[in-house]
Amino acid sequence: MARYTGPRAKISRRFGVSLFGPSKAFERRNFPPGQHGVRAGRKKKSEYSVALGEKQKLRFQYGVLEKQVRGDYEEAARRRGVTGAILLQVLETRLDNVCYRAGFGNSRQAARQIVNHGHVLVNGRCVDVPSYQVKPGDVIKVGAKPSSQQLVLRMTDLTQSLSVVDWLSVDKDKLEATVARVPERADIAPLVNEQLIVELYSR
């Protein structure tokens, strides 16, 4: 699957927010890239440009492609409720994101690779699809292979200082996480204004 492999600090600087986790490069130069970067923030943006920027931020934050975001939006629009909040729920309950939230990866990219390489079981069955949608009651566990256990144990050492979200129940000794409930809008705290993304797609 195609994925973004370019400079991450540059993308964070473009949008003015750290999209890939803490970055010393972003902290040192927290203005847009380019020779006019310091003055770039003064230019007034159109409504379309702002909404497009929010959608791009969401893409980079969760590491998904345009086609995937469009599909997730259409799925959210079909469901009953607030479309923007449901869109965030769909992205948040991706298997790779759940593994990241559980501390099995120190970034979403690392968690996606762990899933892709078949190190994760969902309800006892190996699932290697990062976009797999988990549901309340699903049990996500690291496989019994020594290579899987050692890899994720190294990751949990890196993420032990991070707090676990309320909608997940995590047992780091067993390398196991259970989805207690669907995350609410308040649980997600996204870096974007999802309503602008809904307006952009509904035009």
N, C-alpha and C. Protein backbone atom coordinates (compact mmCIF):
# COMPACT_ATOMS: atom_id res chain seq x y z
N MET A 1 0.84 -1.19 0.00
CA MET A 1 0.00 0.00 0.00
C MET A 1 0.88 1.24 0.00
N ALA A 2 0.52 2.25 -0.79
CA ALA A 2 1.27 3.49 -0.83
C ALA A 2 1.15 4.22 0.51
N ARG A 3 2.21 4.89 0.88
CA ARG A 3 2.19 5.65 2.13
C ARG A 3 3.18 6.79 2.01
N TYR A 4 3.01 7.81 2.85
CA TYR A 4 3.91 8.96 2.81
C TYR A 4 5.23 8.60 3.49
N THR A 5 6.34 8.81 2.78
CA THR A 5 7.66 8.50 3.33
C THR A 5 8.59 9.70 3.30
N GLY A 6 8.03 10.89 3.05
CA GLY A 6 8.85 12.09 2.96
C GLY A 6 9.17 12.68 4.32
N PRO A 7 9.74 13.89 4.33
CA PRO A 7 10.12 14.53 5.59
C PRO A 7 8.91 14.92 6.43
N ARG A 8 8.86 14.43 7.66
CA ARG A 8 7.69 14.65 8.51
C ARG A 8 7.69 16.04 9.15
N ALA A 9 8.88 16.51 9.55
CA ALA A 9 8.94 17.82 10.19
C ALA A 9 8.47 18.92 9.23
N LYS A 10 8.77 18.73 7.96
CA LYS A 10 8.36 19.72 6.95
C LYS A 10 6.85 19.80 6.85
N ILE A 11 6.18 18.63 6.91
CA ILE A 11 4.72 18.60 6.85
C ILE A 11 4.14 19.26 8.10
N SER A 12 4.70 18.95 9.26
CA SER A 12 4.22 19.56 10.51
C SER A 12 4.39 21.07 10.47
N ARG A 13 5.51 21.53 9.93
CA ARG A 13 5.75 22.98 9.83
C ARG A 13 4.76 23.63 8.87
N ARG A 14 4.39 22.93 7.81
CA ARG A 14 3.45 23.48 6.84
C ARG A 14 2.10 23.79 7.49
N PHE A 15 1.66 22.88 8.37
CA PHE A 15 0.35 23.04 8.99
C PHE A 15 0.41 23.65 10.38
N GLY A 16 1.60 23.86 10.91
CA GLY A 16 1.74 24.54 12.19
C GLY A 16 1.37 23.70 13.39
N VAL A 17 1.38 22.38 13.25
CA VAL A 17 1.07 21.50 14.36
C VAL A 17 1.85 20.19 14.17
N SER A 18 2.29 19.59 15.28
CA SER A 18 3.08 18.37 15.20
C SER A 18 2.16 17.18 14.91
N LEU A 19 2.13 16.73 13.66
CA LEU A 19 1.22 15.68 13.23
C LEU A 19 1.76 14.28 13.46
N PHE A 20 3.06 14.15 13.67
CA PHE A 20 3.68 12.83 13.78
C PHE A 20 4.29 12.60 15.16
N GLY A 21 3.79 13.31 16.15
CA GLY A 21 4.36 13.18 17.49
C GLY A 21 5.41 14.24 17.75
N PRO A 22 6.00 14.25 18.94
CA PRO A 22 7.01 15.27 19.30
C PRO A 22 8.17 15.29 18.30
N SER A 23 8.59 16.49 17.95
CA SER A 23 9.67 16.65 16.97
C SER A 23 10.54 17.85 17.37
N LYS A 24 11.83 17.60 17.57
CA LYS A 24 12.74 18.68 17.92
C LYS A 24 12.90 19.65 16.76
N ALA A 25 12.86 19.11 15.53
CA ALA A 25 12.98 19.96 14.35
C ALA A 25 11.82 20.94 14.28
N PHE A 26 10.60 20.46 14.59
CA PHE A 26 9.43 21.33 14.56
C PHE A 26 9.49 22.36 15.68
N GLU A 27 9.99 21.96 16.83
CA GLU A 27 10.08 22.89 17.96
C GLU A 27 11.09 24.00 17.67
N ARG A 28 12.17 23.66 16.98
CA ARG A 28 13.18 24.68 16.67
C ARG A 28 12.70 25.64 15.60
N ARG A 29 11.94 25.12 14.61
CA ARG A 29 11.50 25.95 13.48
C ARG A 29 10.00 25.74 13.27
N ASN A 30 9.21 26.37 14.13
CA ASN A 30 7.77 26.16 14.09
C ASN A 30 7.07 27.16 13.17
N PHE A 31 7.68 27.45 12.04
CA PHE A 31 7.07 28.31 11.02
C PHE A 31 7.09 27.54 9.70
N PRO A 32 6.26 27.93 8.72
CA PRO A 32 6.18 27.17 7.46
C PRO A 32 7.52 27.07 6.75
N PRO A 33 7.73 25.97 6.01
CA PRO A 33 9.00 25.80 5.28
C PRO A 33 9.09 26.75 4.10
N GLY A 34 10.29 26.89 3.56
CA GLY A 34 10.50 27.76 2.40
C GLY A 34 11.15 29.07 2.80
N GLN A 35 11.69 29.79 1.81
CA GLN A 35 12.44 31.01 2.10
C GLN A 35 11.54 32.13 2.64
N HIS A 36 10.23 32.05 2.37
CA HIS A 36 9.31 33.06 2.88
C HIS A 36 8.46 32.50 4.02
N GLY A 37 8.94 31.42 4.64
CA GLY A 37 8.15 30.72 5.65
C GLY A 37 7.75 31.57 6.83
N VAL A 38 8.64 32.45 7.29
CA VAL A 38 8.34 33.27 8.46
C VAL A 38 7.17 34.20 8.19
N ARG A 39 7.08 34.71 6.94
CA ARG A 39 6.01 35.64 6.59
C ARG A 39 4.78 34.95 6.00
N ALA A 40 4.87 33.62 5.74
CA ALA A 40 3.79 32.92 5.04
C ALA A 40 2.49 32.92 5.82
N GLY A 41 2.58 32.92 7.16
CA GLY A 41 1.37 32.85 7.97
C GLY A 41 0.52 34.10 7.91
N ARG A 42 1.07 35.19 7.38
CA ARG A 42 0.33 36.45 7.34
C ARG A 42 -0.67 36.51 6.18
N LYS A 43 -0.48 35.65 5.20
CA LYS A 43 -1.36 35.66 4.03
C LYS A 43 -2.72 35.06 4.38
N LYS A 44 -3.78 35.78 4.02
CA LYS A 44 -5.12 35.30 4.32
C LYS A 44 -5.50 34.16 3.38
N LYS A 45 -6.06 33.08 3.96
CA LYS A 45 -6.43 31.92 3.17
C LYS A 45 -7.92 31.92 2.88
N SER A 46 -8.30 31.32 1.76
CA SER A 46 -9.72 31.20 1.42
C SER A 46 -10.35 30.11 2.28
N GLU A 47 -11.67 30.07 2.31
CA GLU A 47 -12.38 29.05 3.08
C GLU A 47 -12.05 27.66 2.55
N TYR A 48 -11.96 27.55 1.22
CA TYR A 48 -11.63 26.26 0.62
C TYR A 48 -10.23 25.81 1.03
N SER A 49 -9.29 26.74 1.03
CA SER A 49 -7.91 26.41 1.41
C SER A 49 -7.82 25.94 2.85
N VAL A 50 -8.57 26.57 3.74
CA VAL A 50 -8.57 26.18 5.16
C VAL A 50 -9.15 24.78 5.32
N ALA A 51 -10.29 24.53 4.64
CA ALA A 51 -10.94 23.21 4.74
C ALA A 51 -10.05 22.12 4.14
N LEU A 52 -9.40 22.42 3.01
CA LEU A 52 -8.49 21.45 2.39
C LEU A 52 -7.32 21.15 3.32
N GLY A 53 -6.82 22.17 3.99
CA GLY A 53 -5.73 21.98 4.94
C GLY A 53 -6.13 21.08 6.10
N GLU A 54 -7.36 21.24 6.58
CA GLU A 54 -7.85 20.39 7.68
C GLU A 54 -7.92 18.92 7.23
N LYS A 55 -8.38 18.71 6.00
CA LYS A 55 -8.46 17.34 5.49
C LYS A 55 -7.08 16.73 5.34
N GLN A 56 -6.14 17.52 4.86
CA GLN A 56 -4.77 17.02 4.70
C GLN A 56 -4.14 16.71 6.05
N LYS A 57 -4.42 17.54 7.04
CA LYS A 57 -3.90 17.26 8.39
C LYS A 57 -4.43 15.94 8.91
N LEU A 58 -5.72 15.69 8.69
CA LEU A 58 -6.32 14.43 9.13
C LEU A 58 -5.67 13.25 8.44
N ARG A 59 -5.41 13.38 7.15
CA ARG A 59 -4.75 12.32 6.38
C ARG A 59 -3.38 11.99 6.95
N PHE A 60 -2.59 13.01 7.17
CA PHE A 60 -1.24 12.78 7.67
C PHE A 60 -1.24 12.29 9.12
N GLN A 61 -2.18 12.78 9.92
CA GLN A 61 -2.24 12.36 11.32
C GLN A 61 -2.47 10.86 11.43
N TYR A 62 -3.40 10.33 10.62
CA TYR A 62 -3.72 8.90 10.69
C TYR A 62 -2.98 8.07 9.64
N GLY A 63 -2.23 8.74 8.76
CA GLY A 63 -1.45 8.02 7.76
C GLY A 63 -2.28 7.29 6.73
N VAL A 64 -3.35 7.94 6.26
CA VAL A 64 -4.23 7.31 5.28
C VAL A 64 -4.20 8.11 3.97
N LEU A 65 -4.62 7.45 2.90
CA LEU A 65 -4.64 8.07 1.59
C LEU A 65 -5.96 8.79 1.35
N GLU A 66 -5.99 9.61 0.31
CA GLU A 66 -7.19 10.37 -0.03
C GLU A 66 -8.39 9.45 -0.28
N LYS A 67 -8.17 8.37 -1.02
CA LYS A 67 -9.26 7.44 -1.31
C LYS A 67 -9.83 6.83 -0.04
N GLN A 68 -8.96 6.55 0.94
CA GLN A 68 -9.42 5.97 2.20
C GLN A 68 -10.25 6.98 3.01
N VAL A 69 -9.80 8.22 3.04
CA VAL A 69 -10.55 9.26 3.77
C VAL A 69 -11.91 9.46 3.12
N ARG A 70 -11.95 9.49 1.80
CA ARG A 70 -13.23 9.64 1.09
C ARG A 70 -14.16 8.48 1.42
N GLY A 71 -13.64 7.26 1.42
CA GLY A 71 -14.45 6.10 1.76
C GLY A 71 -14.94 6.14 3.20
N ASP A 72 -14.07 6.58 4.11
CA ASP A 72 -14.48 6.69 5.52
C ASP A 72 -15.54 7.77 5.70
N TYR A 73 -15.42 8.86 4.94
CA TYR A 73 -16.45 9.91 5.00
C TYR A 73 -17.79 9.38 4.52
N GLU A 74 -17.78 8.66 3.40
CA GLU A 74 -19.03 8.11 2.87
C GLU A 74 -19.67 7.12 3.85
N GLU A 75 -18.83 6.34 4.53
CA GLU A 75 -19.34 5.42 5.55
C GLU A 75 -19.95 6.20 6.71
N ALA A 76 -19.27 7.28 7.13
CA ALA A 76 -19.78 8.10 8.23
C ALA A 76 -21.09 8.79 7.86
N ALA A 77 -21.19 9.23 6.59
CA ALA A 77 -22.40 9.92 6.14
C ALA A 77 -23.59 8.98 6.11
N ARG A 78 -23.36 7.67 5.91
CA ARG A 78 -24.46 6.69 5.89
C ARG A 78 -24.99 6.40 7.28
N ARG A 79 -24.15 6.55 8.29
CA ARG A 79 -24.57 6.21 9.64
C ARG A 79 -25.39 7.34 10.26
N ARG A 80 -26.19 6.98 11.24
CA ARG A 80 -27.01 7.98 11.93
C ARG A 80 -26.17 8.67 13.00
N GLY A 81 -26.21 10.00 13.00
CA GLY A 81 -25.46 10.77 13.99
C GLY A 81 -24.72 11.92 13.34
N VAL A 82 -23.81 12.52 14.09
CA VAL A 82 -23.03 13.66 13.59
C VAL A 82 -21.91 13.11 12.71
N THR A 83 -21.94 13.47 11.43
CA THR A 83 -21.02 12.89 10.46
C THR A 83 -19.56 13.11 10.83
N GLY A 84 -19.20 14.31 11.27
CA GLY A 84 -17.81 14.60 11.61
C GLY A 84 -17.31 13.74 12.75
N ALA A 85 -18.12 13.59 13.79
CA ALA A 85 -17.73 12.77 14.94
C ALA A 85 -17.61 11.30 14.55
N ILE A 86 -18.52 10.83 13.70
CA ILE A 86 -18.47 9.43 13.25
C ILE A 86 -17.24 9.18 12.39
N LEU A 87 -16.88 10.16 11.56
CA LEU A 87 -15.66 10.04 10.75
C LEU A 87 -14.44 9.85 11.64
N LEU A 88 -14.36 10.62 12.70
CA LEU A 88 -13.24 10.47 13.64
C LEU A 88 -13.28 9.11 14.32
N GLN A 89 -14.48 8.62 14.65
CA GLN A 89 -14.60 7.30 15.28
C GLN A 89 -14.12 6.20 14.34
N VAL A 90 -14.47 6.32 13.06
CA VAL A 90 -14.05 5.32 12.07
C VAL A 90 -12.52 5.27 11.98
N LEU A 91 -11.89 6.43 11.95
CA LEU A 91 -10.43 6.48 11.87
C LEU A 91 -9.79 6.00 13.17
N GLU A 92 -10.41 6.35 14.28
CA GLU A 92 -9.84 6.01 15.59
C GLU A 92 -9.93 4.51 15.87
N THR A 93 -10.92 3.83 15.30
CA THR A 93 -11.09 2.40 15.56
C THR A 93 -10.43 1.53 14.49
N ARG A 94 -9.56 2.11 13.67
CA ARG A 94 -8.72 1.31 12.79
C ARG A 94 -7.78 0.47 13.66
N LEU A 95 -7.47 -0.72 13.22
CA LEU A 95 -6.63 -1.62 14.02
C LEU A 95 -5.25 -1.03 14.29
N ASP A 96 -4.66 -0.39 13.28
CA ASP A 96 -3.32 0.18 13.52
C ASP A 96 -3.37 1.29 14.55
N ASN A 97 -4.43 2.11 14.53
CA ASN A 97 -4.54 3.17 15.51
C ASN A 97 -4.79 2.62 16.91
N VAL A 98 -5.60 1.55 17.01
CA VAL A 98 -5.86 0.93 18.31
C VAL A 98 -4.57 0.37 18.89
N CYS A 99 -3.75 -0.26 18.06
CA CYS A 99 -2.45 -0.76 18.53
C CYS A 99 -1.56 0.38 19.00
N TYR A 100 -1.61 1.51 18.30
CA TYR A 100 -0.85 2.68 18.72
C TYR A 100 -1.36 3.21 20.05
N ARG A 101 -2.68 3.31 20.19
CA ARG A 101 -3.27 3.81 21.43
C ARG A 101 -2.98 2.87 22.61
N ALA A 102 -2.85 1.56 22.31
CA ALA A 102 -2.58 0.58 23.37
C ALA A 102 -1.10 0.57 23.76
N GLY A 103 -0.27 1.27 23.00
CA GLY A 103 1.15 1.32 23.32
C GLY A 103 1.97 0.23 22.66
N PHE A 104 1.37 -0.49 21.69
CA PHE A 104 2.10 -1.55 20.99
C PHE A 104 3.04 -0.98 19.94
N GLY A 105 2.92 0.30 19.66
CA GLY A 105 3.80 0.99 18.72
C GLY A 105 4.02 2.41 19.21
N ASN A 106 5.22 2.93 19.03
CA ASN A 106 5.49 4.29 19.51
C ASN A 106 5.05 5.36 18.52
N SER A 107 4.48 4.93 17.39
CA SER A 107 3.88 5.85 16.42
C SER A 107 2.86 5.06 15.63
N ARG A 108 2.00 5.76 14.91
CA ARG A 108 1.02 5.06 14.09
C ARG A 108 1.72 4.30 12.96
N GLN A 109 2.82 4.84 12.47
CA GLN A 109 3.55 4.15 11.41
C GLN A 109 4.13 2.83 11.93
N ALA A 110 4.69 2.85 13.14
CA ALA A 110 5.24 1.63 13.73
C ALA A 110 4.13 0.61 14.00
N ALA A 111 2.98 1.10 14.49
CA ALA A 111 1.86 0.20 14.77
C ALA A 111 1.33 -0.42 13.47
N ARG A 112 1.30 0.36 12.39
CA ARG A 112 0.84 -0.17 11.11
C ARG A 112 1.78 -1.28 10.62
N GLN A 113 3.06 -1.09 10.80
CA GLN A 113 4.01 -2.11 10.36
C GLN A 113 3.86 -3.40 11.18
N ILE A 114 3.61 -3.24 12.49
CA ILE A 114 3.40 -4.41 13.34
C ILE A 114 2.19 -5.21 12.87
N VAL A 115 1.12 -4.49 12.50
CA VAL A 115 -0.09 -5.17 12.00
C VAL A 115 0.19 -5.81 10.65
N ASN A 116 0.83 -5.06 9.74
CA ASN A 116 1.12 -5.57 8.40
C ASN A 116 1.95 -6.85 8.40
N HIS A 117 2.84 -6.97 9.37
CA HIS A 117 3.73 -8.12 9.43
C HIS A 117 3.13 -9.30 10.18
N GLY A 118 1.85 -9.20 10.52
CA GLY A 118 1.15 -10.34 11.11
C GLY A 118 1.46 -10.62 12.56
N HIS A 119 1.85 -9.57 13.31
CA HIS A 119 2.18 -9.78 14.73
C HIS A 119 0.97 -9.65 15.65
N VAL A 120 -0.20 -9.29 15.10
CA VAL A 120 -1.36 -8.97 15.93
C VAL A 120 -2.52 -9.93 15.66
N LEU A 121 -3.17 -10.35 16.73
CA LEU A 121 -4.36 -11.20 16.65
C LEU A 121 -5.57 -10.42 17.12
N VAL A 122 -6.68 -10.59 16.44
CA VAL A 122 -7.95 -10.01 16.88
C VAL A 122 -8.91 -11.16 17.16
N ASN A 123 -9.30 -11.27 18.42
CA ASN A 123 -10.16 -12.39 18.85
C ASN A 123 -9.55 -13.75 18.47
N GLY A 124 -8.23 -13.85 18.63
CA GLY A 124 -7.53 -15.11 18.37
C GLY A 124 -7.20 -15.37 16.93
N ARG A 125 -7.54 -14.47 16.03
CA ARG A 125 -7.28 -14.66 14.60
C ARG A 125 -6.31 -13.60 14.09
N CYS A 126 -5.31 -14.02 13.33
CA CYS A 126 -4.32 -13.09 12.81
C CYS A 126 -4.97 -12.14 11.80
N VAL A 127 -4.79 -10.85 12.02
CA VAL A 127 -5.32 -9.83 11.11
C VAL A 127 -4.16 -8.94 10.70
N ASP A 128 -3.88 -8.87 9.40
CA ASP A 128 -2.77 -8.05 8.93
C ASP A 128 -3.24 -6.88 8.06
N VAL A 129 -4.47 -6.44 8.30
CA VAL A 129 -5.05 -5.31 7.57
C VAL A 129 -5.14 -4.11 8.51
N PRO A 130 -4.29 -3.09 8.34
CA PRO A 130 -4.28 -1.95 9.27
C PRO A 130 -5.62 -1.23 9.38
N SER A 131 -6.42 -1.22 8.30
CA SER A 131 -7.70 -0.49 8.31
C SER A 131 -8.84 -1.31 8.90
N TYR A 132 -8.56 -2.52 9.37
CA TYR A 132 -9.60 -3.37 9.97
C TYR A 132 -10.30 -2.61 11.10
N GLN A 133 -11.64 -2.62 11.08
CA GLN A 133 -12.42 -1.89 12.07
C GLN A 133 -12.70 -2.77 13.29
N VAL A 134 -12.19 -2.34 14.45
CA VAL A 134 -12.46 -3.09 15.68
C VAL A 134 -13.81 -2.64 16.25
N LYS A 135 -14.40 -3.49 17.08
CA LYS A 135 -15.70 -3.22 17.69
C LYS A 135 -15.61 -3.43 19.19
N PRO A 136 -16.54 -2.86 19.96
CA PRO A 136 -16.54 -3.09 21.40
C PRO A 136 -16.57 -4.58 21.72
N GLY A 137 -15.70 -4.99 22.62
CA GLY A 137 -15.60 -6.40 22.98
C GLY A 137 -14.47 -7.13 22.28
N ASP A 138 -13.94 -6.56 21.20
CA ASP A 138 -12.82 -7.19 20.49
C ASP A 138 -11.58 -7.20 21.36
N VAL A 139 -10.86 -8.32 21.30
CA VAL A 139 -9.61 -8.47 22.06
C VAL A 139 -8.45 -8.46 21.07
N ILE A 140 -7.55 -7.49 21.23
CA ILE A 140 -6.38 -7.37 20.37
C ILE A 140 -5.18 -7.85 21.16
N LYS A 141 -4.49 -8.83 20.63
CA LYS A 141 -3.37 -9.44 21.36
C LYS A 141 -2.19 -9.65 20.42
N VAL A 142 -1.00 -9.53 21.00
CA VAL A 142 0.22 -9.78 20.23
C VAL A 142 0.41 -11.29 20.11
N GLY A 143 0.81 -11.75 18.92
CA GLY A 143 1.01 -13.18 18.67
C GLY A 143 2.04 -13.81 19.61
N ALA A 144 1.99 -15.13 19.72
CA ALA A 144 2.84 -15.85 20.66
C ALA A 144 4.26 -16.05 20.16
N LYS A 145 4.55 -15.77 18.90
CA LYS A 145 5.90 -15.96 18.38
C LYS A 145 6.89 -15.09 19.16
N PRO A 146 8.08 -15.62 19.47
CA PRO A 146 9.08 -14.83 20.20
C PRO A 146 9.43 -13.52 19.49
N SER A 147 9.48 -13.55 18.16
CA SER A 147 9.81 -12.33 17.41
C SER A 147 8.75 -11.26 17.61
N SER A 148 7.47 -11.66 17.64
CA SER A 148 6.37 -10.72 17.86
C SER A 148 6.43 -10.15 19.27
N GLN A 149 6.62 -11.03 20.24
CA GLN A 149 6.67 -10.61 21.64
C GLN A 149 7.82 -9.64 21.89
N GLN A 150 9.00 -9.97 21.37
CA GLN A 150 10.17 -9.12 21.61
C GLN A 150 10.01 -7.76 20.96
N LEU A 151 9.46 -7.75 19.75
CA LEU A 151 9.27 -6.49 19.04
C LEU A 151 8.35 -5.57 19.81
N VAL A 152 7.20 -6.08 20.24
CA VAL A 152 6.22 -5.24 20.91
C VAL A 152 6.68 -4.89 22.33
N LEU A 153 7.42 -5.77 22.98
CA LEU A 153 7.97 -5.44 24.31
C LEU A 153 8.92 -4.24 24.22
N ARG A 154 9.70 -4.18 23.16
CA ARG A 154 10.58 -3.02 22.96
C ARG A 154 9.75 -1.75 22.78
N MET A 155 8.64 -1.88 22.07
CA MET A 155 7.76 -0.72 21.85
C MET A 155 7.09 -0.27 23.15
N THR A 156 6.64 -1.23 23.97
CA THR A 156 5.98 -0.86 25.22
C THR A 156 6.94 -0.16 26.18
N ASP A 157 8.23 -0.49 26.09
CA ASP A 157 9.23 0.21 26.90
C ASP A 157 9.31 1.68 26.50
N LEU A 158 9.12 1.95 25.21
CA LEU A 158 9.18 3.32 24.71
C LEU A 158 7.91 4.10 25.02
N THR A 159 6.79 3.39 25.20
CA THR A 159 5.50 4.06 25.37
C THR A 159 4.94 3.94 26.80
N GLN A 160 5.75 3.43 27.74
CA GLN A 160 5.21 3.19 29.08
C GLN A 160 4.83 4.47 29.82
N SER A 161 5.41 5.61 29.41
CA SER A 161 5.08 6.88 30.06
C SER A 161 3.79 7.49 29.52
N LEU A 162 3.27 6.96 28.41
CA LEU A 162 2.06 7.51 27.81
C LEU A 162 0.82 6.93 28.49
N SER A 163 -0.19 7.75 28.69
CA SER A 163 -1.43 7.30 29.32
C SER A 163 -2.30 6.58 28.29
N VAL A 164 -3.03 5.56 28.74
CA VAL A 164 -3.91 4.78 27.87
C VAL A 164 -5.28 5.45 27.82
N VAL A 165 -5.90 5.47 26.66
CA VAL A 165 -7.22 6.09 26.49
C VAL A 165 -8.27 5.31 27.28
N ASP A 166 -9.34 6.00 27.67
CA ASP A 166 -10.37 5.41 28.54
C ASP A 166 -11.16 4.30 27.86
N TRP A 167 -11.27 4.35 26.53
CA TRP A 167 -12.12 3.37 25.85
C TRP A 167 -11.39 2.06 25.55
N LEU A 168 -10.13 1.97 25.99
CA LEU A 168 -9.37 0.73 25.85
C LEU A 168 -8.97 0.20 27.22
N SER A 169 -9.03 -1.11 27.37
CA SER A 169 -8.52 -1.76 28.58
C SER A 169 -7.28 -2.54 28.18
N VAL A 170 -6.11 -2.13 28.73
CA VAL A 170 -4.84 -2.69 28.28
C VAL A 170 -4.14 -3.44 29.41
N ASP A 171 -3.69 -4.64 29.10
CA ASP A 171 -2.86 -5.43 30.01
C ASP A 171 -1.50 -5.59 29.34
N LYS A 172 -0.54 -4.75 29.76
CA LYS A 172 0.76 -4.74 29.09
C LYS A 172 1.60 -5.97 29.44
N ASP A 173 1.28 -6.63 30.55
CA ASP A 173 1.99 -7.87 30.89
C ASP A 173 1.64 -8.98 29.90
N LYS A 174 0.35 -9.02 29.51
CA LYS A 174 -0.11 -10.03 28.55
C LYS A 174 -0.03 -9.53 27.11
N LEU A 175 0.36 -8.25 26.95
CA LEU A 175 0.36 -7.62 25.62
C LEU A 175 -1.00 -7.80 24.95
N GLU A 176 -2.01 -7.35 25.67
CA GLU A 176 -3.39 -7.55 25.24
C GLU A 176 -4.20 -6.28 25.51
N ALA A 177 -5.11 -5.97 24.61
CA ALA A 177 -5.99 -4.80 24.77
C ALA A 177 -7.40 -5.20 24.40
N THR A 178 -8.37 -4.71 25.16
CA THR A 178 -9.78 -4.97 24.89
C THR A 178 -10.49 -3.65 24.62
N VAL A 179 -11.29 -3.62 23.56
CA VAL A 179 -12.05 -2.41 23.23
C VAL A 179 -13.28 -2.38 24.13
N ALA A 180 -13.30 -1.45 25.09
CA ALA A 180 -14.40 -1.38 26.05
C ALA A 180 -15.64 -0.72 25.45
N ARG A 181 -15.42 0.27 24.59
CA ARG A 181 -16.55 1.00 24.00
C ARG A 181 -16.06 1.77 22.79
N VAL A 182 -17.00 2.33 22.06
CA VAL A 182 -16.66 3.18 20.93
C VAL A 182 -16.19 4.54 21.47
N PRO A 183 -15.08 5.07 21.00
CA PRO A 183 -14.61 6.36 21.52
C PRO A 183 -15.57 7.50 21.20
N GLU A 184 -15.75 8.40 22.14
CA GLU A 184 -16.56 9.59 21.93
C GLU A 184 -15.70 10.70 21.34
N ARG A 185 -16.35 11.74 20.86
CA ARG A 185 -15.63 12.89 20.30
C ARG A 185 -14.65 13.47 21.32
N ALA A 186 -15.07 13.54 22.59
CA ALA A 186 -14.21 14.11 23.63
C ALA A 186 -12.99 13.24 23.91
N ASP A 187 -13.08 11.93 23.64
CA ASP A 187 -11.96 11.02 23.88
C ASP A 187 -10.86 11.16 22.83
N ILE A 188 -11.24 11.64 21.66
CA ILE A 188 -10.31 11.62 20.53
C ILE A 188 -9.40 12.84 20.50
N ALA A 189 -9.95 14.01 20.80
CA ALA A 189 -9.18 15.27 20.80
C ALA A 189 -8.33 15.40 19.53
N PRO A 190 -8.97 15.49 18.36
CA PRO A 190 -8.22 15.54 17.10
C PRO A 190 -7.49 16.87 16.93
N LEU A 191 -6.58 16.90 15.97
CA LEU A 191 -5.83 18.12 15.68
C LEU A 191 -6.49 18.92 14.56
N VAL A 192 -7.72 18.56 14.22
CA VAL A 192 -8.40 19.18 13.08
C VAL A 192 -9.81 19.60 13.49
N ASN A 193 -10.40 20.46 12.63
CA ASN A 193 -11.81 20.81 12.75
C ASN A 193 -12.57 19.93 11.76
N GLU A 194 -13.13 18.84 12.26
CA GLU A 194 -13.74 17.85 11.36
C GLU A 194 -14.96 18.37 10.62
N GLN A 195 -15.61 19.41 11.16
CA GLN A 195 -16.79 19.96 10.50
C GLN A 195 -16.41 20.59 9.15
N LEU A 196 -15.24 21.21 9.09
CA LEU A 196 -14.78 21.79 7.83
C LEU A 196 -14.53 20.70 6.79
N ILE A 197 -14.09 19.53 7.24
CA ILE A 197 -13.84 18.42 6.32
C ILE A 197 -15.16 17.89 5.77
N VAL A 198 -16.18 17.80 6.63
CA VAL A 198 -17.50 17.38 6.19
C VAL A 198 -18.06 18.35 5.16
N GLU A 199 -17.90 19.65 5.42
CA GLU A 199 -18.38 20.66 4.47
C GLU A 199 -17.64 20.58 3.15
N LEU A 200 -16.34 20.27 3.22
CA LEU A 200 -15.54 20.15 2.00
C LEU A 200 -16.04 18.99 1.13
N TYR A 201 -16.30 17.85 1.75
CA TYR A 201 -16.75 16.68 0.99
C TYR A 201 -18.20 16.77 0.55
N SER A 202 -19.01 17.56 1.25
CA SER A 202 -20.43 17.63 0.92
C SER A 202 -20.74 18.68 -0.13
N ARG A 203 -19.74 19.35 -0.64
CA ARG A 203 -19.97 20.39 -1.67
C ARG A 203 -20.43 19.76 -2.97
